[in-house]
Amino acid sequence: MNYNVTLKEIALKSGVSVSTVSKALNDSHEISSITKERISKIAKSLNYRPNFFAKNLKRKTNFIIGVILPDLKNDFFSNLLVGITEETCEKKHRIMVYQTCNSPEKEITYTKLLSENIIDGLIISPSLFPERHAEDNKYLIKLSERHLPIIVINKMVDNVVYTNTQLKQSNNGLKLGKDLVSNMISKIKNYNLQLEVS
C-alpha cells in the first residue's frame, strides 16, 4: 500500500515530539546533530518524503518562478531559457515555462494561470504586439498589486510595477538568463522579508 508517511509516525518511532521531528528534518540549530541523524535514519527507513507544498505553505513561498517567453525556436530565447533553467536549479528553485508563440491571447491565459498564487516571481517577454490595453495587462497588474517581483524583457507595460531589462544585440541569452534569475531570487527574498516584518 502506497501512502505518505507523516511526521507523527516518525515521532512515534523516534520517541520524540512531532515538533522535534519537524525541526530535525528542517536542520534546525535547536536540535543536536545526533538527534537529527537518528531521526533522519528513521525517516529514511520509513521511506518518508517531505510534502513540498505543505512545507512551502508555512514558508509562504513555493520556490517557483514563472517564465513566459514568445518563441523558444528563436536562438536567443532558447539560450535564455537554458540560462534560467541552470540558475534556478543551482539556486534550488523551480520554473514554470510557457511559450506564447507571440499570441497575446496565450500570454493573457498564461499570465492569468500564474497569477493564481502559484509563483513567487515572474520573468516575461511580452508578445510582439505593442498595442496592449489595461484589460490585457489585468493579470500582470494583479501580480504587481501583490508586490510580486516581475521582470519584463524589452517592453513597457502600463500600470505594472516591474524591473525592465532592455536587450542589446550583444546580449548573451545564456548569461542574461542566469542574471535574471539571480536578480529575481534577490527580489523574492526582499519581498518575503517584507512579508515577515509586516
C-alpha atoms as a PDB file:
ATOM      1  CA  MET A   1       0.000   0.000   0.000  1.00  0.00           C
ATOM      2  CA  ASN A   2       1.424   3.385  -1.047  1.00  0.00           C
ATOM      3  CA  TYR A   3       0.862   6.269   1.362  1.00  0.00           C
ATOM      4  CA  ASN A   4       2.752   9.254   2.663  1.00  0.00           C
ATOM      5  CA  VAL A   5       4.474   8.723   5.986  1.00  0.00           C
ATOM      6  CA  THR A   6       3.606  11.508   8.428  1.00  0.00           C
ATOM      7  CA  LEU A   7       5.793  13.363  10.909  1.00  0.00           C
ATOM      8  CA  LYS A   8       3.627  11.851  13.656  1.00  0.00           C
ATOM      9  CA  GLU A   9       4.623   8.312  12.595  1.00  0.00           C
ATOM     10  CA  ILE A  10       8.305   9.273  12.612  1.00  0.00           C
ATOM     11  CA  ALA A  11       7.833  10.899  16.040  1.00  0.00           C
ATOM     12  CA  LEU A  12       6.210   7.727  17.460  1.00  0.00           C
ATOM     13  CA  LYS A  13       9.026   5.536  16.165  1.00  0.00           C
ATOM     14  CA  SER A  14      11.686   8.043  17.352  1.00  0.00           C
ATOM     15  CA  GLY A  15      10.171   8.621  20.789  1.00  0.00           C
ATOM     16  CA  VAL A  16      10.196  12.405  20.350  1.00  0.00           C
ATOM     17  CA  SER A  17       7.575  15.065  19.630  1.00  0.00           C
ATOM     18  CA  VAL A  18       6.285  15.936  16.154  1.00  0.00           C
ATOM     19  CA  SER A  19       7.817  19.384  16.627  1.00  0.00           C
ATOM     20  CA  THR A  20      11.255  17.848  17.258  1.00  0.00           C
ATOM     21  CA  VAL A  21      10.928  15.681  14.133  1.00  0.00           C
ATOM     22  CA  SER A  22       9.949  18.715  12.057  1.00  0.00           C
ATOM     23  CA  LYS A  23      12.861  20.771  13.374  1.00  0.00           C
ATOM     24  CA  ALA A  24      15.318  17.898  12.878  1.00  0.00           C
ATOM     25  CA  LEU A  25      14.239  17.283   9.280  1.00  0.00           C
ATOM     26  CA  ASN A  26      14.482  21.023   8.588  1.00  0.00           C
ATOM     27  CA  ASP A  27      18.027  21.085  10.013  1.00  0.00           C
ATOM     28  CA  SER A  28      17.146  23.437  12.888  1.00  0.00           C
ATOM     29  CA  HIS A  29      20.019  24.611  15.090  1.00  0.00           C
ATOM     30  CA  GLU A  30      17.790  23.819  18.109  1.00  0.00           C
ATOM     31  CA  ILE A  31      18.236  20.061  17.583  1.00  0.00           C
ATOM     32  CA  SER A  32      21.509  18.231  18.259  1.00  0.00           C
ATOM     33  CA  SER A  33      23.297  16.618  15.334  1.00  0.00           C
ATOM     34  CA  ILE A  34      22.954  13.176  16.985  1.00  0.00           C
ATOM     35  CA  THR A  35      19.154  13.544  17.234  1.00  0.00           C
ATOM     36  CA  LYS A  36      18.967  14.881  13.674  1.00  0.00           C
ATOM     37  CA  GLU A  37      20.913  11.897  12.382  1.00  0.00           C
ATOM     38  CA  ARG A  38      18.774   9.383  14.330  1.00  0.00           C
ATOM     39  CA  ILE A  39      15.507  10.963  13.119  1.00  0.00           C
ATOM     40  CA  SER A  40      16.818  11.195   9.569  1.00  0.00           C
ATOM     41  CA  LYS A  41      17.655   7.454   9.572  1.00  0.00           C
ATOM     42  CA  ILE A  42      14.193   6.564  10.892  1.00  0.00           C
ATOM     43  CA  ALA A  43      12.547   8.834   8.294  1.00  0.00           C
ATOM     44  CA  LYS A  44      14.593   7.173   5.563  1.00  0.00           C
ATOM     45  CA  SER A  45      13.735   3.661   6.802  1.00  0.00           C
ATOM     46  CA  LEU A  46      10.031   4.597   6.662  1.00  0.00           C
ATOM     47  CA  ASN A  47      10.524   5.970   3.125  1.00  0.00           C
ATOM     48  CA  TYR A  48       9.417   9.450   4.248  1.00  0.00           C
ATOM     49  CA  ARG A  49       9.071  12.082   1.531  1.00  0.00           C
ATOM     50  CA  PRO A  50       8.529  15.713   2.549  1.00  0.00           C
ATOM     51  CA  ASN A  51       5.357  17.350   1.288  1.00  0.00           C
ATOM     52  CA  PHE A  52       6.815  20.145  -0.845  1.00  0.00           C
ATOM     53  CA  PHE A  53       3.624  22.222  -0.931  1.00  0.00           C
ATOM     54  CA  ALA A  54       2.823  21.882   2.782  1.00  0.00           C
ATOM     55  CA  LYS A  55       6.379  22.887   3.639  1.00  0.00           C
ATOM     56  CA  ASN A  56       6.206  25.939   1.413  1.00  0.00           C
ATOM     57  CA  LEU A  57       2.759  26.931   2.670  1.00  0.00           C
ATOM     58  CA  LYS A  58       4.350  27.564   6.056  1.00  0.00           C
ATOM     59  CA  ARG A  59       7.214  29.482   4.454  1.00  0.00           C
ATOM     60  CA  LYS A  60       4.798  31.459   2.240  1.00  0.00           C
ATOM     61  CA  THR A  61       6.903  30.656  -0.789  1.00  0.00           C
ATOM     62  CA  ASN A  62       6.758  27.968  -3.463  1.00  0.00           C
ATOM     63  CA  PHE A  63      10.274  28.438  -4.857  1.00  0.00           C
ATOM     64  CA  ILE A  64       8.671  28.650  -8.297  1.00  0.00           C
ATOM     65  CA  ILE A  65       9.450  31.350 -10.855  1.00  0.00           C
ATOM     66  CA  GLY A  66       7.058  31.784 -13.769  1.00  0.00           C
ATOM     67  CA  VAL A  67       8.604  32.327 -17.194  1.00  0.00           C
ATOM     68  CA  ILE A  68       6.606  33.476 -20.228  1.00  0.00           C
ATOM     69  CA  LEU A  69       8.542  33.728 -23.496  1.00  0.00           C
ATOM     70  CA  PRO A  70       7.330  34.431 -27.045  1.00  0.00           C
ATOM     71  CA  ASP A  71       9.304  31.968 -29.182  1.00  0.00           C
ATOM     72  CA  LEU A  72      11.502  29.110 -27.976  1.00  0.00           C
ATOM     73  CA  LYS A  73      12.623  28.321 -31.545  1.00  0.00           C
ATOM     74  CA  ASN A  74      14.415  31.675 -31.505  1.00  0.00           C
ATOM     75  CA  ASP A  75      18.056  31.014 -30.514  1.00  0.00           C
ATOM     76  CA  PHE A  76      18.160  33.944 -28.127  1.00  0.00           C
ATOM     77  CA  PHE A  77      15.083  32.849 -26.136  1.00  0.00           C
ATOM     78  CA  SER A  78      16.194  29.221 -26.256  1.00  0.00           C
ATOM     79  CA  ASN A  79      19.570  30.184 -24.727  1.00  0.00           C
ATOM     80  CA  LEU A  80      17.817  32.500 -22.277  1.00  0.00           C
ATOM     81  CA  LEU A  81      15.716  29.561 -21.066  1.00  0.00           C
ATOM     82  CA  VAL A  82      18.818  27.364 -20.695  1.00  0.00           C
ATOM     83  CA  GLY A  83      20.392  30.085 -18.514  1.00  0.00           C
ATOM     84  CA  ILE A  84      17.199  30.461 -16.473  1.00  0.00           C
ATOM     85  CA  THR A  85      16.933  26.683 -16.012  1.00  0.00           C
ATOM     86  CA  GLU A  86      20.572  26.248 -14.961  1.00  0.00           C
ATOM     87  CA  GLU A  87      20.430  29.094 -12.451  1.00  0.00           C
ATOM     88  CA  THR A  88      17.070  28.101 -10.912  1.00  0.00           C
ATOM     89  CA  CYS A  89      18.335  24.539 -10.495  1.00  0.00           C
ATOM     90  CA  GLU A  90      21.526  25.784  -8.847  1.00  0.00           C
ATOM     91  CA  LYS A  91      19.522  28.060  -6.513  1.00  0.00           C
ATOM     92  CA  LYS A  92      17.079  25.242  -5.601  1.00  0.00           C
ATOM     93  CA  HIS A  93      14.107  26.876  -7.321  1.00  0.00           C
ATOM     94  CA  ARG A  94      11.735  25.561  -9.968  1.00  0.00           C
ATOM     95  CA  ILE A  95      10.327  27.195 -13.068  1.00  0.00           C
ATOM     96  CA  MET A  96       7.015  27.034 -14.879  1.00  0.00           C
ATOM     97  CA  VAL A  97       7.621  27.889 -18.532  1.00  0.00           C
ATOM     98  CA  TYR A  98       5.051  28.945 -21.105  1.00  0.00           C
ATOM     99  CA  GLN A  99       5.610  29.808 -24.754  1.00  0.00           C
ATOM    100  CA  THR A 100       3.124  32.261 -26.266  1.00  0.00           C
ATOM    101  CA  CYS A 101       4.172  31.957 -29.938  1.00  0.00           C
ATOM    102  CA  ASN A 102       3.684  35.755 -29.932  1.00  0.00           C
ATOM    103  CA  SER A 103      -0.038  35.297 -29.247  1.00  0.00           C
ATOM    104  CA  PRO A 104      -1.494  37.957 -26.912  1.00  0.00           C
ATOM    105  CA  GLU A 105      -4.365  35.556 -26.104  1.00  0.00           C
ATOM    106  CA  LYS A 106      -1.958  32.836 -24.924  1.00  0.00           C
ATOM    107  CA  GLU A 107       0.018  35.398 -22.973  1.00  0.00           C
ATOM    108  CA  ILE A 108      -3.135  36.524 -21.152  1.00  0.00           C
ATOM    109  CA  THR A 109      -4.125  32.898 -20.449  1.00  0.00           C
ATOM    110  CA  TYR A 110      -0.704  32.002 -19.043  1.00  0.00           C
ATOM    111  CA  THR A 111      -0.393  35.197 -17.003  1.00  0.00           C
ATOM    112  CA  LYS A 112      -3.847  34.521 -15.539  1.00  0.00           C
ATOM    113  CA  LEU A 113      -2.834  30.966 -14.652  1.00  0.00           C
ATOM    114  CA  LEU A 114       0.381  32.116 -12.987  1.00  0.00           C
ATOM    115  CA  SER A 115      -1.414  34.895 -11.087  1.00  0.00           C
ATOM    116  CA  GLU A 116      -3.322  32.290  -9.037  1.00  0.00           C
ATOM    117  CA  ASN A 117      -0.805  32.264  -6.146  1.00  0.00           C
ATOM    118  CA  ILE A 118       1.402  29.632  -7.771  1.00  0.00           C
ATOM    119  CA  ILE A 119       4.587  31.621  -8.341  1.00  0.00           C
ATOM    120  CA  ASP A 120       6.953  33.776  -6.305  1.00  0.00           C
ATOM    121  CA  GLY A 121       8.032  35.923  -9.243  1.00  0.00           C
ATOM    122  CA  LEU A 122       7.607  36.305 -12.999  1.00  0.00           C
ATOM    123  CA  ILE A 123      10.034  36.766 -15.884  1.00  0.00           C
ATOM    124  CA  ILE A 124       8.123  37.733 -19.027  1.00  0.00           C
ATOM    125  CA  SER A 125       8.945  38.835 -22.544  1.00  0.00           C
ATOM    126  CA  PRO A 126       5.588  40.151 -23.755  1.00  0.00           C
ATOM    127  CA  SER A 127       4.274  39.368 -27.223  1.00  0.00           C
ATOM    128  CA  LEU A 128       5.336  41.486 -30.179  1.00  0.00           C
ATOM    129  CA  PHE A 129       2.081  43.421 -30.200  1.00  0.00           C
ATOM    130  CA  PRO A 130       2.739  46.870 -28.730  1.00  0.00           C
ATOM    131  CA  GLU A 131      -0.912  47.942 -28.622  1.00  0.00           C
ATOM    132  CA  ARG A 132      -1.567  46.418 -25.220  1.00  0.00           C
ATOM    133  CA  HIS A 133      -4.554  47.615 -23.246  1.00  0.00           C
ATOM    134  CA  ALA A 134      -5.123  47.684 -19.489  1.00  0.00           C
ATOM    135  CA  GLU A 135      -7.545  44.767 -19.976  1.00  0.00           C
ATOM    136  CA  ASP A 136      -4.720  42.695 -21.491  1.00  0.00           C
ATOM    137  CA  ASN A 137      -2.494  43.560 -18.539  1.00  0.00           C
ATOM    138  CA  LYS A 138      -5.015  42.884 -15.770  1.00  0.00           C
ATOM    139  CA  TYR A 139      -3.300  39.693 -14.562  1.00  0.00           C
ATOM    140  CA  LEU A 140       0.122  41.350 -14.635  1.00  0.00           C
ATOM    141  CA  ILE A 141      -1.467  44.189 -12.654  1.00  0.00           C
ATOM    142  CA  LYS A 142      -2.888  41.609 -10.213  1.00  0.00           C
ATOM    143  CA  LEU A 143       0.613  40.163  -9.680  1.00  0.00           C
ATOM    144  CA  SER A 144       2.031  43.667  -9.335  1.00  0.00           C
ATOM    145  CA  GLU A 145      -0.583  44.596  -6.707  1.00  0.00           C
ATOM    146  CA  ARG A 146       0.579  41.605  -4.651  1.00  0.00           C
ATOM    147  CA  HIS A 147       4.042  43.224  -4.887  1.00  0.00           C
ATOM    148  CA  LEU A 148       5.318  40.073  -6.560  1.00  0.00           C
ATOM    149  CA  PRO A 149       8.663  40.628  -8.311  1.00  0.00           C
ATOM    150  CA  ILE A 150       8.195  40.962 -12.079  1.00  0.00           C
ATOM    151  CA  ILE A 151      10.949  41.293 -14.683  1.00  0.00           C
ATOM    152  CA  VAL A 152       9.771  42.440 -18.120  1.00  0.00           C
ATOM    153  CA  ILE A 153      12.155  41.887 -21.021  1.00  0.00           C
ATOM    154  CA  ASN A 154      12.370  44.541 -23.747  1.00  0.00           C
ATOM    155  CA  LYS A 155       8.876  46.032 -23.455  1.00  0.00           C
ATOM    156  CA  MET A 156       6.998  48.648 -21.487  1.00  0.00           C
ATOM    157  CA  VAL A 157       3.819  47.690 -19.618  1.00  0.00           C
ATOM    158  CA  ASP A 158       1.403  50.288 -18.230  1.00  0.00           C
ATOM    159  CA  ASN A 159       0.136  50.195 -14.622  1.00  0.00           C
ATOM    160  CA  VAL A 160       2.531  47.443 -13.516  1.00  0.00           C
ATOM    161  CA  VAL A 161       5.472  47.815 -11.124  1.00  0.00           C
ATOM    162  CA  TYR A 162       8.350  45.844 -12.617  1.00  0.00           C
ATOM    163  CA  THR A 163      12.033  45.782 -13.474  1.00  0.00           C
ATOM    164  CA  ASN A 164      12.693  46.345 -17.161  1.00  0.00           C
ATOM    165  CA  THR A 165      15.557  44.646 -18.974  1.00  0.00           C
ATOM    166  CA  GLN A 166      16.365  46.132 -22.378  1.00  0.00           C
ATOM    167  CA  LEU A 167      18.108  43.757 -24.750  1.00  0.00           C
ATOM    168  CA  LYS A 168      21.093  44.757 -26.843  1.00  0.00           C
ATOM    169  CA  GLN A 169      22.416  42.952 -29.914  1.00  0.00           C
ATOM    170  CA  SER A 170      25.386  41.794 -27.865  1.00  0.00           C
ATOM    171  CA  ASN A 171      23.255  40.211 -25.106  1.00  0.00           C
ATOM    172  CA  ASN A 172      24.199  36.609 -24.448  1.00  0.00           C
ATOM    173  CA  GLY A 173      20.922  34.768 -23.765  1.00  0.00           C
ATOM    174  CA  LEU A 174      22.527  32.159 -21.507  1.00  0.00           C
ATOM    175  CA  LYS A 175      24.270  34.728 -19.295  1.00  0.00           C
ATOM    176  CA  LEU A 176      21.230  37.028 -19.252  1.00  0.00           C
ATOM    177  CA  GLY A 177      19.014  34.101 -18.170  1.00  0.00           C
ATOM    178  CA  LYS A 178      21.308  33.400 -15.220  1.00  0.00           C
ATOM    179  CA  ASP A 179      21.488  37.103 -14.305  1.00  0.00           C
ATOM    180  CA  LEU A 180      17.690  37.462 -14.475  1.00  0.00           C
ATOM    181  CA  VAL A 181      17.207  34.532 -12.078  1.00  0.00           C
ATOM    182  CA  SER A 182      19.806  35.869  -9.606  1.00  0.00           C
ATOM    183  CA  ASN A 183      18.072  39.252  -9.727  1.00  0.00           C
ATOM    184  CA  MET A 184      14.645  37.614  -9.323  1.00  0.00           C
ATOM    185  CA  ILE A 185      15.674  35.466  -6.341  1.00  0.00           C
ATOM    186  CA  SER A 186      17.132  38.530  -4.634  1.00  0.00           C
ATOM    187  CA  LYS A 187      13.810  40.355  -5.193  1.00  0.00           C
ATOM    188  CA  ILE A 188      11.835  37.344  -3.873  1.00  0.00           C
ATOM    189  CA  LYS A 189      13.962  37.282  -0.691  1.00  0.00           C
ATOM    190  CA  ASN A 190      13.349  41.004  -0.152  1.00  0.00           C
ATOM    191  CA  TYR A 191       9.617  40.505  -0.766  1.00  0.00           C
ATOM    192  CA  ASN A 192       9.464  37.633   1.761  1.00  0.00           C
ATOM    193  CA  LEU A 193      11.383  39.684   4.348  1.00  0.00           C
ATOM    194  CA  GLN A 194       8.835  42.489   3.945  1.00  0.00           C
ATOM    195  CA  LEU A 195       6.022  39.950   4.492  1.00  0.00           C
ATOM    196  CA  GLU A 196       7.647  38.736   7.718  1.00  0.00           C
ATOM    197  CA  VAL A 197       8.085  42.287   9.031  1.00  0.00           C
ATOM    198  CA  SER A 198       4.510  43.396   8.251  1.00  0.00           C
END
